[in-house]
Amino acid sequence: MKNNAIGFLVGSMALAASLAFAASAPFKIRMESWFPYYLPEAVSVGSGTVVRWENPTATHHTVTHDGCREDGPCFFDSGPIPPSGVYEVPELPPGRYPYHCRLHPIMRGVLVVTDARAGEET
């Protein structure tokens, strides 16, 4: 009986550790050389989620919030991301974040961050 309790405890701890790791894994967006260019093109994540853009193409790209070129606040701007490079945004407040590649303006995407507690965008 004692061994079963220890086994259950160890198994529960392993499950909790794997769930904590899964919760902290970044949401990945891949850059492509063809439409829709950012894959997926439109995403919705909960607040506190790390978002990671990966560039497997042979050219440089950027991930630039549209507010950086307009009169609004600039929430993220990666600068040039080289081939095989990555860019991460650790956390954004709830909202809608359209973005583009400064080097290739045809590349466009939308990131929506929802309030993880309420489950809604603010």
N, C-alpha and C. Protein backbone atom coordinates (compact mmCIF):
# COMPACT_ATOMS: atom_id res chain seq x y z
N MET A 1 0.83 -1.19 0.00
CA MET A 1 0.00 0.00 0.00
C MET A 1 0.87 1.25 0.00
N LYS A 2 1.97 1.22 0.78
CA LYS A 2 2.86 2.36 0.86
C LYS A 2 3.51 2.63 -0.49
N ASN A 3 3.91 1.57 -1.23
CA ASN A 3 4.51 1.74 -2.55
C ASN A 3 3.53 2.35 -3.54
N ASN A 4 2.24 1.98 -3.44
CA ASN A 4 1.23 2.56 -4.33
C ASN A 4 1.10 4.05 -4.09
N ALA A 5 1.13 4.46 -2.83
CA ALA A 5 1.02 5.88 -2.50
C ALA A 5 2.22 6.66 -3.02
N ILE A 6 3.39 6.11 -2.88
CA ILE A 6 4.60 6.76 -3.39
C ILE A 6 4.56 6.84 -4.91
N GLY A 7 4.13 5.78 -5.55
CA GLY A 7 4.01 5.77 -7.01
C GLY A 7 3.01 6.80 -7.49
N PHE A 8 1.90 6.90 -6.80
CA PHE A 8 0.88 7.90 -7.15
C PHE A 8 1.44 9.31 -6.98
N LEU A 9 2.15 9.56 -5.90
CA LEU A 9 2.72 10.87 -5.63
C LEU A 9 3.75 11.24 -6.69
N VAL A 10 4.64 10.32 -7.02
CA VAL A 10 5.66 10.57 -8.05
C VAL A 10 5.00 10.81 -9.40
N GLY A 11 4.00 10.00 -9.74
CA GLY A 11 3.29 10.18 -11.00
C GLY A 11 2.56 11.52 -11.06
N SER A 12 1.95 11.92 -9.96
CA SER A 12 1.26 13.21 -9.90
C SER A 12 2.23 14.36 -10.07
N MET A 13 3.39 14.25 -9.45
CA MET A 13 4.40 15.31 -9.58
C MET A 13 4.91 15.40 -11.01
N ALA A 14 5.12 14.27 -11.66
CA ALA A 14 5.58 14.27 -13.05
C ALA A 14 4.53 14.89 -13.97
N LEU A 15 3.26 14.56 -13.73
CA LEU A 15 2.19 15.14 -14.54
C LEU A 15 2.12 16.64 -14.33
N ALA A 16 2.22 17.10 -13.10
CA ALA A 16 2.18 18.54 -12.81
C ALA A 16 3.35 19.25 -13.48
N ALA A 17 4.53 18.66 -13.44
CA ALA A 17 5.70 19.27 -14.08
C ALA A 17 5.53 19.34 -15.58
N SER A 18 4.98 18.30 -16.21
CA SER A 18 4.78 18.32 -17.65
C SER A 18 3.72 19.34 -18.05
N LEU A 19 2.67 19.49 -17.23
CA LEU A 19 1.65 20.49 -17.52
C LEU A 19 2.22 21.90 -17.37
N ALA A 20 3.05 22.12 -16.38
CA ALA A 20 3.68 23.44 -16.20
C ALA A 20 4.57 23.75 -17.39
N PHE A 21 5.31 22.77 -17.89
CA PHE A 21 6.17 22.97 -19.05
C PHE A 21 5.32 23.26 -20.28
N ALA A 22 4.23 22.52 -20.46
CA ALA A 22 3.37 22.73 -21.62
C ALA A 22 2.75 24.12 -21.59
N ALA A 23 2.38 24.60 -20.42
CA ALA A 23 1.77 25.92 -20.31
C ALA A 23 2.76 27.02 -20.66
N SER A 24 4.05 26.78 -20.45
CA SER A 24 5.04 27.80 -20.70
C SER A 24 5.63 27.71 -22.12
N ALA A 25 5.26 26.72 -22.89
CA ALA A 25 5.78 26.59 -24.25
C ALA A 25 5.23 27.73 -25.10
N PRO A 26 6.09 28.35 -25.94
CA PRO A 26 5.61 29.47 -26.75
C PRO A 26 4.67 29.02 -27.86
N PHE A 27 3.79 29.93 -28.26
CA PHE A 27 2.95 29.71 -29.43
C PHE A 27 3.79 30.07 -30.64
N LYS A 28 3.91 29.17 -31.61
CA LYS A 28 4.82 29.38 -32.74
C LYS A 28 4.08 29.82 -34.00
N ILE A 29 4.66 30.82 -34.66
CA ILE A 29 4.20 31.30 -35.96
C ILE A 29 5.40 31.19 -36.90
N ARG A 30 5.18 30.59 -38.05
CA ARG A 30 6.26 30.37 -39.01
C ARG A 30 6.17 31.40 -40.14
N MET A 31 7.30 31.96 -40.53
CA MET A 31 7.36 32.86 -41.67
C MET A 31 7.59 32.02 -42.92
N GLU A 32 6.91 32.38 -44.00
CA GLU A 32 7.04 31.63 -45.25
C GLU A 32 7.35 32.58 -46.40
N SER A 33 7.75 32.04 -47.53
CA SER A 33 8.05 32.82 -48.73
C SER A 33 6.85 32.92 -49.66
N TRP A 34 5.71 32.38 -49.25
CA TRP A 34 4.50 32.41 -50.07
C TRP A 34 3.31 32.72 -49.17
N PHE A 35 2.19 33.12 -49.79
CA PHE A 35 0.98 33.45 -49.06
C PHE A 35 0.53 32.26 -48.23
N PRO A 36 0.17 32.44 -47.01
CA PRO A 36 -0.11 33.69 -46.30
C PRO A 36 1.10 34.32 -45.61
N TYR A 37 2.29 33.88 -45.86
CA TYR A 37 3.55 34.45 -45.37
C TYR A 37 3.80 34.22 -43.88
N TYR A 38 2.85 34.56 -43.03
CA TYR A 38 2.94 34.20 -41.61
C TYR A 38 1.94 33.07 -41.41
N LEU A 39 2.39 31.97 -40.85
CA LEU A 39 1.55 30.79 -40.74
C LEU A 39 1.44 30.35 -39.28
N PRO A 40 0.30 30.45 -38.64
CA PRO A 40 -0.96 30.93 -39.19
C PRO A 40 -0.97 32.45 -39.33
N GLU A 41 -1.81 32.92 -40.24
CA GLU A 41 -1.89 34.35 -40.55
C GLU A 41 -2.57 35.14 -39.44
N ALA A 42 -3.60 34.57 -38.85
CA ALA A 42 -4.33 35.22 -37.74
C ALA A 42 -4.39 34.23 -36.59
N VAL A 43 -3.99 34.69 -35.41
CA VAL A 43 -3.99 33.81 -34.24
C VAL A 43 -4.58 34.52 -33.04
N SER A 44 -5.09 33.74 -32.11
CA SER A 44 -5.60 34.25 -30.85
C SER A 44 -4.93 33.45 -29.73
N VAL A 45 -4.34 34.16 -28.78
CA VAL A 45 -3.68 33.52 -27.64
C VAL A 45 -4.15 34.19 -26.36
N GLY A 46 -4.03 33.50 -25.26
CA GLY A 46 -4.37 34.07 -23.97
C GLY A 46 -3.26 34.97 -23.46
N SER A 47 -3.61 35.94 -22.64
CA SER A 47 -2.60 36.83 -22.06
C SER A 47 -1.58 36.00 -21.29
N GLY A 48 -0.35 36.44 -21.32
CA GLY A 48 0.73 35.72 -20.66
C GLY A 48 1.41 34.70 -21.55
N THR A 49 0.88 34.48 -22.76
CA THR A 49 1.47 33.51 -23.68
C THR A 49 2.66 34.13 -24.41
N VAL A 50 3.75 33.41 -24.45
CA VAL A 50 4.91 33.83 -25.25
C VAL A 50 4.61 33.47 -26.70
N VAL A 51 4.80 34.42 -27.60
CA VAL A 51 4.60 34.17 -29.03
C VAL A 51 5.97 34.19 -29.69
N ARG A 52 6.23 33.16 -30.51
CA ARG A 52 7.53 33.00 -31.14
C ARG A 52 7.37 32.90 -32.65
N TRP A 53 8.02 33.79 -33.38
CA TRP A 53 8.06 33.72 -34.84
C TRP A 53 9.37 33.06 -35.25
N GLU A 54 9.27 32.10 -36.18
CA GLU A 54 10.45 31.37 -36.66
C GLU A 54 10.62 31.65 -38.15
N ASN A 55 11.85 31.90 -38.57
CA ASN A 55 12.14 32.21 -39.96
C ASN A 55 12.94 31.07 -40.62
N PRO A 56 12.26 30.11 -41.25
CA PRO A 56 12.97 29.03 -41.94
C PRO A 56 13.32 29.40 -43.39
N THR A 57 13.02 30.63 -43.83
CA THR A 57 13.27 31.02 -45.22
C THR A 57 14.73 31.39 -45.43
N ALA A 58 15.08 31.67 -46.67
CA ALA A 58 16.46 32.01 -47.02
C ALA A 58 16.72 33.52 -46.97
N THR A 59 15.72 34.32 -46.55
CA THR A 59 15.88 35.77 -46.51
C THR A 59 15.52 36.32 -45.14
N HIS A 60 15.96 37.55 -44.90
CA HIS A 60 15.61 38.25 -43.66
C HIS A 60 14.16 38.72 -43.72
N HIS A 61 13.53 38.77 -42.55
CA HIS A 61 12.17 39.29 -42.40
C HIS A 61 12.10 40.05 -41.08
N THR A 62 11.00 40.80 -40.88
CA THR A 62 10.76 41.42 -39.58
C THR A 62 9.35 41.06 -39.11
N VAL A 63 9.10 41.29 -37.85
CA VAL A 63 7.78 41.18 -37.26
C VAL A 63 7.57 42.54 -36.58
N THR A 64 6.78 43.41 -37.22
CA THR A 64 6.65 44.78 -36.78
C THR A 64 5.17 45.13 -36.55
N HIS A 65 4.84 45.50 -35.34
CA HIS A 65 3.47 45.92 -35.00
C HIS A 65 3.12 47.14 -35.85
N ASP A 66 1.90 47.17 -36.41
CA ASP A 66 1.49 48.29 -37.27
C ASP A 66 1.57 49.63 -36.54
N GLY A 67 1.43 49.65 -35.23
CA GLY A 67 1.53 50.88 -34.46
C GLY A 67 2.90 51.53 -34.56
N CYS A 68 3.91 50.77 -34.94
CA CYS A 68 5.26 51.31 -35.06
C CYS A 68 5.39 52.25 -36.25
N ARG A 69 4.52 52.12 -37.24
CA ARG A 69 4.59 53.01 -38.40
C ARG A 69 3.42 53.98 -38.45
N GLU A 70 2.54 53.90 -37.49
CA GLU A 70 1.40 54.79 -37.41
C GLU A 70 1.58 55.67 -36.17
N ASP A 71 0.54 56.37 -35.79
CA ASP A 71 0.63 57.26 -34.63
C ASP A 71 0.38 56.54 -33.31
N GLY A 72 0.14 55.24 -33.35
CA GLY A 72 -0.15 54.50 -32.13
C GLY A 72 1.11 54.03 -31.44
N PRO A 73 0.95 53.37 -30.30
CA PRO A 73 2.12 52.81 -29.61
C PRO A 73 2.70 51.63 -30.39
N CYS A 74 4.01 51.48 -30.29
CA CYS A 74 4.73 50.38 -30.96
C CYS A 74 4.94 49.28 -29.92
N PHE A 75 4.19 48.17 -30.04
CA PHE A 75 4.27 47.11 -29.04
C PHE A 75 5.39 46.10 -29.30
N PHE A 76 5.78 45.92 -30.56
CA PHE A 76 6.90 45.03 -30.86
C PHE A 76 7.47 45.33 -32.24
N ASP A 77 8.77 45.19 -32.36
CA ASP A 77 9.48 45.36 -33.63
C ASP A 77 10.76 44.54 -33.54
N SER A 78 10.80 43.46 -34.30
CA SER A 78 11.89 42.50 -34.19
C SER A 78 13.21 43.00 -34.75
N GLY A 79 13.16 43.95 -35.69
CA GLY A 79 14.37 44.22 -36.47
C GLY A 79 14.56 43.03 -37.40
N PRO A 80 15.59 43.05 -38.23
CA PRO A 80 15.80 41.94 -39.18
C PRO A 80 16.02 40.60 -38.47
N ILE A 81 15.22 39.62 -38.87
CA ILE A 81 15.38 38.25 -38.37
C ILE A 81 16.06 37.45 -39.47
N PRO A 82 17.26 36.94 -39.23
CA PRO A 82 17.99 36.23 -40.29
C PRO A 82 17.39 34.85 -40.58
N PRO A 83 17.79 34.24 -41.69
CA PRO A 83 17.37 32.86 -41.95
C PRO A 83 17.69 31.97 -40.74
N SER A 84 16.78 31.12 -40.39
CA SER A 84 16.87 30.22 -39.22
C SER A 84 16.78 30.96 -37.90
N GLY A 85 16.49 32.25 -37.93
CA GLY A 85 16.38 33.04 -36.70
C GLY A 85 14.99 32.98 -36.11
N VAL A 86 14.86 33.45 -34.89
CA VAL A 86 13.58 33.50 -34.19
C VAL A 86 13.43 34.84 -33.50
N TYR A 87 12.19 35.18 -33.19
CA TYR A 87 11.87 36.40 -32.43
C TYR A 87 10.72 36.06 -31.50
N GLU A 88 10.85 36.44 -30.24
CA GLU A 88 9.80 36.16 -29.26
C GLU A 88 9.30 37.44 -28.61
N VAL A 89 8.00 37.48 -28.40
CA VAL A 89 7.37 38.52 -27.60
C VAL A 89 6.89 37.82 -26.34
N PRO A 90 7.44 38.20 -25.17
CA PRO A 90 7.13 37.44 -23.96
C PRO A 90 5.70 37.58 -23.47
N GLU A 91 5.10 38.75 -23.59
CA GLU A 91 3.76 38.93 -23.04
C GLU A 91 3.22 40.26 -23.53
N LEU A 92 1.97 40.25 -23.94
CA LEU A 92 1.30 41.48 -24.39
C LEU A 92 -0.01 41.63 -23.64
N PRO A 93 -0.46 42.86 -23.41
CA PRO A 93 -1.78 43.04 -22.81
C PRO A 93 -2.86 42.63 -23.80
N PRO A 94 -4.05 42.29 -23.32
CA PRO A 94 -5.13 41.92 -24.23
C PRO A 94 -5.37 43.02 -25.27
N GLY A 95 -5.61 42.59 -26.51
CA GLY A 95 -5.87 43.52 -27.60
C GLY A 95 -5.64 42.87 -28.95
N ARG A 96 -5.80 43.67 -29.99
CA ARG A 96 -5.61 43.21 -31.37
C ARG A 96 -4.35 43.87 -31.91
N TYR A 97 -3.42 43.06 -32.43
CA TYR A 97 -2.12 43.54 -32.88
C TYR A 97 -1.86 43.15 -34.33
N PRO A 98 -2.27 43.97 -35.29
CA PRO A 98 -1.90 43.69 -36.67
C PRO A 98 -0.40 43.97 -36.84
N TYR A 99 0.26 43.16 -37.65
CA TYR A 99 1.70 43.33 -37.84
C TYR A 99 2.08 43.04 -39.29
N HIS A 100 3.31 43.36 -39.64
CA HIS A 100 3.79 43.21 -41.02
C HIS A 100 5.31 43.02 -41.01
N CYS A 101 5.85 42.74 -42.18
CA CYS A 101 7.30 42.69 -42.39
C CYS A 101 7.71 44.01 -43.03
N ARG A 102 8.61 44.75 -42.39
CA ARG A 102 9.07 46.02 -42.95
C ARG A 102 9.83 45.83 -44.25
N LEU A 103 10.46 44.69 -44.43
CA LEU A 103 11.24 44.42 -45.64
C LEU A 103 10.36 43.95 -46.80
N HIS A 104 9.23 43.34 -46.48
CA HIS A 104 8.30 42.80 -47.48
C HIS A 104 6.88 43.16 -47.04
N PRO A 105 6.42 44.39 -47.33
CA PRO A 105 5.13 44.87 -46.79
C PRO A 105 3.92 44.02 -47.16
N ILE A 106 4.05 43.15 -48.15
CA ILE A 106 2.93 42.26 -48.50
C ILE A 106 2.70 41.22 -47.40
N MET A 107 3.71 40.97 -46.59
CA MET A 107 3.60 40.01 -45.49
C MET A 107 2.85 40.68 -44.33
N ARG A 108 1.67 40.12 -43.99
CA ARG A 108 0.85 40.70 -42.93
C ARG A 108 0.25 39.59 -42.07
N GLY A 109 0.05 39.90 -40.81
CA GLY A 109 -0.58 38.96 -39.89
C GLY A 109 -1.32 39.71 -38.80
N VAL A 110 -2.10 38.98 -38.01
CA VAL A 110 -2.84 39.58 -36.89
C VAL A 110 -2.70 38.66 -35.69
N LEU A 111 -2.32 39.27 -34.58
CA LEU A 111 -2.23 38.57 -33.30
C LEU A 111 -3.29 39.16 -32.38
N VAL A 112 -4.16 38.33 -31.85
CA VAL A 112 -5.18 38.77 -30.89
C VAL A 112 -4.83 38.14 -29.55
N VAL A 113 -4.71 38.98 -28.53
CA VAL A 113 -4.43 38.51 -27.18
C VAL A 113 -5.69 38.70 -26.36
N THR A 114 -6.18 37.61 -25.80
CA THR A 114 -7.39 37.65 -24.98
C THR A 114 -7.00 37.63 -23.51
N ASP A 115 -7.90 38.11 -22.67
CA ASP A 115 -7.69 38.07 -21.24
C ASP A 115 -7.87 36.62 -20.81
N ALA A 116 -6.81 35.98 -20.39
CA ALA A 116 -6.85 34.56 -20.04
C ALA A 116 -7.83 34.29 -18.89
N ARG A 117 -8.02 35.26 -18.02
CA ARG A 117 -8.96 35.05 -16.90
C ARG A 117 -10.39 35.14 -17.36
N ALA A 118 -10.68 36.14 -18.23
CA ALA A 118 -12.07 36.34 -18.67
C ALA A 118 -12.36 35.59 -19.96
N GLY A 119 -11.29 35.22 -20.71
CA GLY A 119 -11.47 34.53 -21.96
C GLY A 119 -11.93 35.44 -23.09
N GLU A 120 -11.77 36.76 -22.91
CA GLU A 120 -12.21 37.70 -23.94
C GLU A 120 -11.14 38.75 -24.19
N GLU A 121 -11.18 39.29 -25.43
CA GLU A 121 -10.32 40.40 -25.79
C GLU A 121 -10.87 41.67 -25.15
N THR A 122 -9.98 42.56 -24.71
CA THR A 122 -10.45 43.83 -24.16
C THR A 122 -10.14 44.97 -25.09
